[in-house]
Amino acid sequence: MTDKTRIRFRDLAFTDGTPRKALLTACVVGTVLTIINHGDNIMSGIYPPPWKVLLTYCVPFCVTTWGAFLGKRAAIIKQQHTDVLYGSTR
């Protein structure tokens, strides 16, 4: 790929509302996972280390961002293949 058609992670992962969607997903899924993994301890007054809770929220954020990147990249590659096959110039 040339520099003009190179697909950059940051260009796809942090555009089109992806960070907002990832943040909302992290809030919902992170909360559910925190309750599942640490709820019994929290209810008994024993709080988990903050870094564990932070990681519980970071994982769904990263997974959502990665999935959005892969989906956008696949669409771009498919379009590039179509353009080559049918000679489309944009």
C-alpha atoms as a PDB file:
ATOM      1  CA  MET A   1       0.000   0.000   0.000  1.00  0.00           C
ATOM      2  CA  THR A   2       1.165   3.492  -0.688  1.00  0.00           C
ATOM      3  CA  ASP A   3       1.127   6.246   1.899  1.00  0.00           C
ATOM      4  CA  LYS A   4      -2.060   7.594   0.319  1.00  0.00           C
ATOM      5  CA  THR A   5      -3.994   4.364   0.869  1.00  0.00           C
ATOM      6  CA  ARG A   6      -2.345   3.193   4.090  1.00  0.00           C
ATOM      7  CA  ILE A   7      -4.848   2.409   6.819  1.00  0.00           C
ATOM      8  CA  ARG A   8      -3.857   3.932  10.144  1.00  0.00           C
ATOM      9  CA  PHE A   9      -5.219   2.644  13.415  1.00  0.00           C
ATOM     10  CA  ARG A  10      -5.734   6.071  14.973  1.00  0.00           C
ATOM     11  CA  ASP A  11      -7.538   7.361  11.876  1.00  0.00           C
ATOM     12  CA  LEU A  12     -10.160   4.616  12.076  1.00  0.00           C
ATOM     13  CA  ALA A  13     -10.323   3.884  15.798  1.00  0.00           C
ATOM     14  CA  PHE A  14     -10.813   7.453  16.975  1.00  0.00           C
ATOM     15  CA  THR A  15     -13.254   8.831  14.386  1.00  0.00           C
ATOM     16  CA  ASP A  16     -16.964   8.509  13.587  1.00  0.00           C
ATOM     17  CA  GLY A  17     -18.029   8.441  17.221  1.00  0.00           C
ATOM     18  CA  THR A  18     -16.068   5.307  18.076  1.00  0.00           C
ATOM     19  CA  PRO A  19     -14.604   6.676  21.345  1.00  0.00           C
ATOM     20  CA  ARG A  20     -18.081   7.680  22.561  1.00  0.00           C
ATOM     21  CA  LYS A  21     -19.537   4.275  21.683  1.00  0.00           C
ATOM     22  CA  ALA A  22     -16.593   2.546  23.338  1.00  0.00           C
ATOM     23  CA  LEU A  23     -16.989   4.663  26.473  1.00  0.00           C
ATOM     24  CA  LEU A  24     -20.705   3.913  26.740  1.00  0.00           C
ATOM     25  CA  THR A  25     -20.029   0.213  26.204  1.00  0.00           C
ATOM     26  CA  ALA A  26     -17.283   0.282  28.834  1.00  0.00           C
ATOM     27  CA  CYS A  27     -19.620   1.937  31.343  1.00  0.00           C
ATOM     28  CA  VAL A  28     -22.350  -0.646  30.893  1.00  0.00           C
ATOM     29  CA  VAL A  29     -20.242  -3.778  30.467  1.00  0.00           C
ATOM     30  CA  GLY A  30     -17.634  -2.659  33.015  1.00  0.00           C
ATOM     31  CA  THR A  31     -20.326  -2.130  35.636  1.00  0.00           C
ATOM     32  CA  VAL A  32     -21.884  -5.535  34.963  1.00  0.00           C
ATOM     33  CA  LEU A  33     -18.487  -7.237  35.115  1.00  0.00           C
ATOM     34  CA  THR A  34     -17.566  -5.388  38.309  1.00  0.00           C
ATOM     35  CA  ILE A  35     -20.784  -6.576  39.941  1.00  0.00           C
ATOM     36  CA  ILE A  36     -20.205 -10.141  38.745  1.00  0.00           C
ATOM     37  CA  ASN A  37     -16.546 -10.268  39.752  1.00  0.00           C
ATOM     38  CA  HIS A  38     -16.497  -8.139  42.905  1.00  0.00           C
ATOM     39  CA  GLY A  39     -20.123  -7.695  43.981  1.00  0.00           C
ATOM     40  CA  ASP A  40     -20.002 -10.130  46.897  1.00  0.00           C
ATOM     41  CA  ASN A  41     -16.880  -8.504  48.298  1.00  0.00           C
ATOM     42  CA  ILE A  42     -18.257  -4.994  47.848  1.00  0.00           C
ATOM     43  CA  MET A  43     -21.505  -5.989  49.610  1.00  0.00           C
ATOM     44  CA  SER A  44     -19.481  -7.275  52.563  1.00  0.00           C
ATOM     45  CA  GLY A  45     -17.444  -4.062  52.762  1.00  0.00           C
ATOM     46  CA  ILE A  46     -14.249  -5.420  51.217  1.00  0.00           C
ATOM     47  CA  TYR A  47     -13.346  -3.267  48.251  1.00  0.00           C
ATOM     48  CA  PRO A  48     -11.192  -4.610  45.395  1.00  0.00           C
ATOM     49  CA  PRO A  49      -7.996  -2.811  44.440  1.00  0.00           C
ATOM     50  CA  PRO A  50      -8.825   0.183  42.218  1.00  0.00           C
ATOM     51  CA  TRP A  51      -6.538  -1.062  39.432  1.00  0.00           C
ATOM     52  CA  LYS A  52      -8.642  -4.224  39.093  1.00  0.00           C
ATOM     53  CA  VAL A  53     -11.826  -2.204  38.743  1.00  0.00           C
ATOM     54  CA  LEU A  54     -10.125   0.147  36.267  1.00  0.00           C
ATOM     55  CA  LEU A  55      -9.015  -2.822  34.152  1.00  0.00           C
ATOM     56  CA  THR A  56     -12.554  -4.173  34.267  1.00  0.00           C
ATOM     57  CA  TYR A  57     -13.680  -0.992  32.507  1.00  0.00           C
ATOM     58  CA  CYS A  58     -10.674  -0.735  30.161  1.00  0.00           C
ATOM     59  CA  VAL A  59     -11.173  -4.156  28.589  1.00  0.00           C
ATOM     60  CA  PRO A  60     -14.617  -3.486  27.041  1.00  0.00           C
ATOM     61  CA  PHE A  61     -13.394  -0.064  25.880  1.00  0.00           C
ATOM     62  CA  CYS A  62     -10.429  -1.653  24.096  1.00  0.00           C
ATOM     63  CA  VAL A  63     -12.501  -4.497  22.644  1.00  0.00           C
ATOM     64  CA  THR A  64     -15.103  -2.077  21.259  1.00  0.00           C
ATOM     65  CA  THR A  65     -12.417   0.158  19.769  1.00  0.00           C
ATOM     66  CA  TRP A  66     -10.577  -2.803  18.216  1.00  0.00           C
ATOM     67  CA  GLY A  67     -13.796  -4.197  16.755  1.00  0.00           C
ATOM     68  CA  ALA A  68     -14.672  -0.835  15.220  1.00  0.00           C
ATOM     69  CA  PHE A  69     -11.198  -0.565  13.701  1.00  0.00           C
ATOM     70  CA  LEU A  70     -11.383  -4.060  12.197  1.00  0.00           C
ATOM     71  CA  GLY A  71     -14.848  -3.424  10.774  1.00  0.00           C
ATOM     72  CA  LYS A  72     -13.892  -0.108   9.196  1.00  0.00           C
ATOM     73  CA  ARG A  73     -10.643  -1.569   7.841  1.00  0.00           C
ATOM     74  CA  ALA A  74     -12.486  -4.520   6.297  1.00  0.00           C
ATOM     75  CA  ALA A  75     -14.934  -2.148   4.591  1.00  0.00           C
ATOM     76  CA  ILE A  76     -12.080  -0.047   3.195  1.00  0.00           C
ATOM     77  CA  ILE A  77     -10.200  -3.100   1.918  1.00  0.00           C
ATOM     78  CA  LYS A  78     -13.372  -4.456   0.317  1.00  0.00           C
ATOM     79  CA  GLN A  79     -13.964  -1.116  -1.373  1.00  0.00           C
ATOM     80  CA  GLN A  80     -10.357  -1.018  -2.600  1.00  0.00           C
ATOM     81  CA  HIS A  81     -10.720  -4.507  -4.083  1.00  0.00           C
ATOM     82  CA  THR A  82     -13.972  -3.481  -5.762  1.00  0.00           C
ATOM     83  CA  ASP A  83     -12.312  -0.368  -7.167  1.00  0.00           C
ATOM     84  CA  VAL A  84      -9.456  -2.452  -8.598  1.00  0.00           C
ATOM     85  CA  LEU A  85     -11.828  -4.998 -10.125  1.00  0.00           C
ATOM     86  CA  TYR A  86     -14.131  -2.455 -11.747  1.00  0.00           C
ATOM     87  CA  GLY A  87     -11.592   0.275 -12.401  1.00  0.00           C
ATOM     88  CA  SER A  88     -13.263   2.880 -10.248  1.00  0.00           C
ATOM     89  CA  THR A  89     -11.255   6.046  -9.691  1.00  0.00           C
ATOM     90  CA  ARG A  90     -12.117   8.402  -6.868  1.00  0.00           C
END
